[in-house]
């Protein structure tokens, strides 16, 4: 009974060392550290970096490896060694967030700490994918059918509709809200991700041809990158 009481007292003492404000600060930092990729190439690089980090820093061996899930075996009972689970979560605008969950089976905490591991993971993956960041035209887009109705189903999508244009960005004065982009250069565009992938094939200083439907008419709009 004395040992049980002592253990409870130690746990209470340790949990009291982290204030609610510090927990909130840690959570905010971890949320901010989540890598978000935008193109197929960038996401491939990010996922490769995530696999490397898990292999080198998670104490447990990988159990599951897919194109959207990395998962190690669980930590042994009472072990402070970390186990990891990484998910690639598809979000709006063709973006994917790569989130890691880190844990262990020790009531006193993991070594290294879960917070430190999450932050280190985010920093490593972001560093790997930053050189592959896509060019920005400064437009907000949504996938639409030929009738102009928003759709999340690629097979139904005819192109991507311009919802708004950021003042001062590359598309300002070139594209207008309501335009439906159907191609960039020779590349057919049906999705927001496809738009980003097509744009990623070009570099700063180039002039690209953006094919759009505007007011029911097809036209090609030159946009300097």
Protein backbone atom coordinates (compact mmCIF):
# COMPACT_ATOMS: atom_id res chain seq x y z
CA UNK A 1 0.00 0.00 0.00
CA UNK A 2 2.87 2.35 0.87
CA UNK A 3 4.44 1.74 -2.56
CA UNK A 4 1.16 2.42 -4.35
CA UNK A 5 0.64 5.67 -2.44
CA UNK A 6 4.23 6.70 -3.14
CA UNK A 7 3.82 5.99 -6.85
CA UNK A 8 0.63 8.05 -7.03
CA UNK A 9 2.33 10.90 -5.22
CA UNK A 10 5.25 10.85 -7.67
CA UNK A 11 2.94 10.87 -10.70
CA UNK A 12 0.93 13.74 -9.23
CA UNK A 13 4.10 15.64 -8.55
CA UNK A 14 5.39 15.12 -12.08
CA UNK A 15 2.12 16.09 -13.73
CA UNK A 16 2.05 19.21 -11.62
CA UNK A 17 5.41 20.26 -13.05
CA UNK A 18 3.75 21.12 -16.36
CA UNK A 19 1.28 23.98 -16.09
CA UNK A 20 -1.84 24.27 -18.20
CA UNK A 21 -0.26 27.24 -19.98
CA UNK A 22 2.83 25.20 -20.80
CA UNK A 23 0.72 22.33 -22.11
CA UNK A 24 -1.18 24.76 -24.33
CA UNK A 25 2.11 26.26 -25.54
CA UNK A 26 3.51 22.82 -26.33
CA UNK A 27 0.37 21.84 -28.23
CA UNK A 28 0.46 25.05 -30.24
CA UNK A 29 4.12 24.46 -31.13
CA UNK A 30 3.36 20.89 -32.23
CA UNK A 31 0.41 22.04 -34.35
CA UNK A 32 2.61 24.65 -35.99
CA UNK A 33 5.31 22.05 -36.71
CA UNK A 34 3.05 19.83 -38.85
CA UNK A 35 4.48 19.64 -42.41
CA UNK A 36 1.99 20.36 -45.20
CA UNK A 37 2.86 19.41 -48.79
CA UNK A 38 1.09 20.68 -51.91
CA UNK A 39 2.29 18.83 -55.00
CA UNK A 40 2.84 15.16 -55.81
CA UNK A 41 6.61 15.68 -55.94
CA UNK A 42 6.73 17.64 -52.70
CA UNK A 43 4.55 15.07 -50.92
CA UNK A 44 6.72 12.20 -52.19
CA UNK A 45 9.83 13.93 -50.84
CA UNK A 46 8.10 14.68 -47.53
CA UNK A 47 6.92 11.08 -47.12
CA UNK A 48 10.40 9.75 -47.87
CA UNK A 49 11.83 12.10 -45.23
CA UNK A 50 9.16 11.00 -42.75
CA UNK A 51 10.10 7.35 -43.33
CA UNK A 52 13.78 8.16 -42.81
CA UNK A 53 13.10 10.02 -39.55
CA UNK A 54 10.94 7.24 -38.13
CA UNK A 55 13.53 4.61 -39.07
CA UNK A 56 16.37 6.56 -37.45
CA UNK A 57 14.68 8.03 -34.36
CA UNK A 58 11.79 5.82 -33.26
CA UNK A 59 13.07 3.07 -31.00
CA UNK A 60 10.57 0.50 -32.25
CA UNK A 61 10.82 -1.11 -35.69
CA UNK A 62 8.40 -0.26 -38.46
CA UNK A 63 5.40 -2.57 -38.57
CA UNK A 64 3.26 -0.92 -41.26
CA UNK A 65 4.41 1.06 -44.28
CA UNK A 66 1.95 2.39 -46.88
CA UNK A 67 1.70 5.60 -48.90
CA UNK A 68 -0.34 7.19 -46.11
CA UNK A 69 0.61 5.33 -42.90
CA UNK A 70 3.86 4.59 -41.07
CA UNK A 71 3.51 2.69 -37.82
CA UNK A 72 6.04 1.06 -35.53
CA UNK A 73 5.51 -1.70 -33.01
CA UNK A 74 4.40 -0.57 -29.55
CA UNK A 75 6.92 0.09 -26.82
CA UNK A 76 7.50 -2.74 -24.29
CA UNK A 77 5.75 -2.42 -20.89
CA UNK A 78 7.22 0.37 -18.72
CA UNK A 79 9.68 1.36 -21.46
CA UNK A 80 10.43 5.06 -22.06
CA UNK A 81 11.50 4.27 -25.64
CA UNK A 82 9.24 5.87 -28.21
CA UNK A 83 6.90 4.26 -30.71
CA UNK A 84 5.60 6.28 -33.66
CA UNK A 85 2.59 6.55 -35.93
CA UNK A 86 2.59 8.88 -38.93
CA UNK A 87 -0.46 9.70 -41.06
CA UNK A 88 -0.68 11.58 -44.34
CA UNK A 89 -4.02 13.39 -44.18
CA UNK A 90 -5.52 14.84 -47.34
CA UNK A 91 -6.90 18.35 -46.83
CA UNK A 92 -8.46 21.13 -48.90
CA UNK A 93 -6.79 22.72 -51.94
CA UNK A 94 -4.87 19.51 -52.72
CA UNK A 95 -2.71 19.84 -49.61
CA UNK A 96 -1.70 16.94 -47.36
CA UNK A 97 -0.68 17.23 -43.69
CA UNK A 98 1.85 14.74 -42.35
CA UNK A 99 1.17 14.21 -38.65
CA UNK A 100 3.14 12.11 -36.19
CA UNK A 101 1.95 10.68 -32.89
CA UNK A 102 4.69 9.66 -30.46
CA UNK A 103 4.21 7.63 -27.30
CA UNK A 104 5.67 5.10 -24.93
CA UNK A 105 4.56 2.75 -22.16
CA UNK A 106 6.22 4.58 -19.28
CA UNK A 107 4.04 6.60 -16.88
CA UNK A 108 6.88 9.03 -16.18
CA UNK A 109 7.30 9.99 -19.82
CA UNK A 110 9.21 9.12 -22.96
CA UNK A 111 12.89 9.56 -23.80
CA UNK A 112 13.22 11.79 -25.72
CA UNK A 113 9.99 13.54 -24.76
CA UNK A 114 6.98 13.28 -27.04
CA UNK A 115 6.97 17.04 -27.58
CA UNK A 116 10.65 17.16 -28.54
CA UNK A 117 10.19 14.23 -30.91
CA UNK A 118 7.18 15.77 -32.66
CA UNK A 119 9.00 19.09 -33.11
CA UNK A 120 12.15 17.36 -34.39
CA UNK A 121 10.11 15.31 -36.86
CA UNK A 122 8.34 18.39 -38.21
CA UNK A 123 11.60 20.31 -38.60
CA UNK A 124 13.29 17.41 -40.42
CA UNK A 125 10.45 16.84 -42.89
CA UNK A 126 9.95 20.56 -43.58
CA UNK A 127 13.67 20.99 -44.31
CA UNK A 128 13.53 18.12 -46.83
CA UNK A 129 10.45 19.37 -48.69
CA UNK A 130 11.13 23.14 -48.70
CA UNK A 131 13.29 23.08 -51.87
CA UNK A 132 10.29 21.56 -53.67
CA UNK A 133 7.80 24.23 -52.61
CA UNK A 134 5.54 25.03 -55.59
CA UNK A 135 5.35 28.39 -57.31
CA UNK A 136 2.32 30.47 -56.38
CA UNK A 137 0.06 32.31 -58.81
CA UNK A 138 -1.95 33.84 -55.98
CA UNK A 139 -5.32 32.22 -56.63
CA UNK A 140 -7.81 30.31 -54.51
CA UNK A 141 -9.35 27.40 -56.39
CA UNK A 142 -12.01 24.71 -56.26
CA UNK A 143 -12.69 21.71 -58.50
CA UNK A 144 -15.83 22.04 -60.61
CA UNK A 145 -17.84 20.02 -63.10
CA UNK A 146 -18.44 21.21 -66.68
CA UNK A 147 -21.60 22.83 -65.34
CA UNK A 148 -19.51 24.81 -62.83
CA UNK A 149 -20.67 22.84 -59.78
CA UNK A 150 -18.12 22.16 -57.05
CA UNK A 151 -17.06 18.52 -56.81
CA UNK A 152 -14.54 16.49 -54.84
CA UNK A 153 -14.66 13.61 -57.34
CA UNK A 154 -11.81 13.86 -59.84
CA UNK A 155 -13.63 11.85 -62.51
CA UNK A 156 -16.45 14.43 -62.45
CA UNK A 157 -14.16 17.46 -62.49
CA UNK A 158 -13.75 19.50 -65.67
CA UNK A 159 -11.30 22.05 -64.30
CA UNK A 160 -10.55 24.32 -61.35
CA UNK A 161 -12.55 27.49 -60.76
CA UNK A 162 -10.82 30.67 -59.61
CA UNK A 163 -12.58 31.82 -56.44
CA UNK A 164 -10.35 34.82 -55.75
CA UNK A 165 -7.08 36.41 -56.87
CA UNK A 166 -4.53 37.84 -54.43
CA UNK A 167 -3.69 41.45 -55.24
CA UNK A 168 -0.06 41.87 -56.27
CA UNK A 169 0.54 38.19 -56.98
CA UNK A 170 1.38 36.66 -60.38
CA UNK A 171 -2.23 36.06 -61.43
CA UNK A 172 -3.37 39.58 -60.54
CA UNK A 173 -4.70 41.24 -63.72
CA UNK A 174 -4.40 37.97 -65.63
CA UNK A 175 -6.98 35.64 -64.11
CA UNK A 176 -10.32 36.69 -62.68
CA UNK A 177 -12.78 35.12 -60.22
CA UNK A 178 -15.07 32.81 -62.15
CA UNK A 179 -12.41 31.65 -64.63
CA UNK A 180 -12.26 27.87 -64.95
CA UNK A 181 -8.68 26.74 -65.56
CA UNK A 182 -8.54 23.66 -67.80
CA UNK A 183 -4.83 23.50 -68.66
CA UNK A 184 -1.41 24.93 -67.93
CA UNK A 185 0.70 24.71 -71.06
CA UNK A 186 0.21 21.19 -72.47
CA UNK A 187 -0.96 19.76 -69.14
CA UNK A 188 -4.68 19.16 -68.68
CA UNK A 189 -5.87 20.38 -65.27
CA UNK A 190 -8.84 18.77 -63.51
CA UNK A 191 -7.94 19.14 -59.83
CA UNK A 192 -6.31 21.58 -57.46
CA UNK A 193 -3.45 19.12 -57.00
CA UNK A 194 -3.14 18.74 -60.77
CA UNK A 195 -2.96 22.53 -61.07
CA UNK A 196 -0.07 22.61 -58.57
CA UNK A 197 1.68 19.67 -60.27
CA UNK A 198 1.45 21.33 -63.69
CA UNK A 199 2.72 24.63 -62.30
CA UNK A 200 5.62 22.86 -60.58
CA UNK A 201 7.03 21.88 -63.99
CA UNK A 202 7.87 25.54 -64.68
CA UNK A 203 10.31 27.95 -63.11
CA UNK A 204 10.61 31.59 -62.14
CA UNK A 205 11.01 33.86 -65.17
CA UNK A 206 9.04 31.67 -67.56
CA UNK A 207 5.81 32.77 -69.19
CA UNK A 208 3.18 30.04 -69.07
CA UNK A 209 -0.06 29.71 -70.98
CA UNK A 210 -3.09 29.19 -68.77
CA UNK A 211 -6.14 27.89 -70.66
CA UNK A 212 -9.41 29.08 -69.14
CA UNK A 213 -13.14 29.19 -69.75
CA UNK A 214 -14.27 32.78 -69.15
CA UNK A 215 -17.86 33.82 -69.69
CA UNK A 216 -18.47 30.68 -71.71
CA UNK A 217 -15.52 31.34 -74.04
CA UNK A 218 -12.22 29.47 -74.22
CA UNK A 219 -9.05 31.55 -74.13
CA UNK A 220 -5.35 31.28 -73.41
CA UNK A 221 -3.92 33.71 -70.86
CA UNK A 222 -0.14 34.31 -70.63
CA UNK A 223 1.12 34.54 -67.03
CA UNK A 224 4.71 35.45 -66.18
CA UNK A 225 6.19 33.49 -63.27
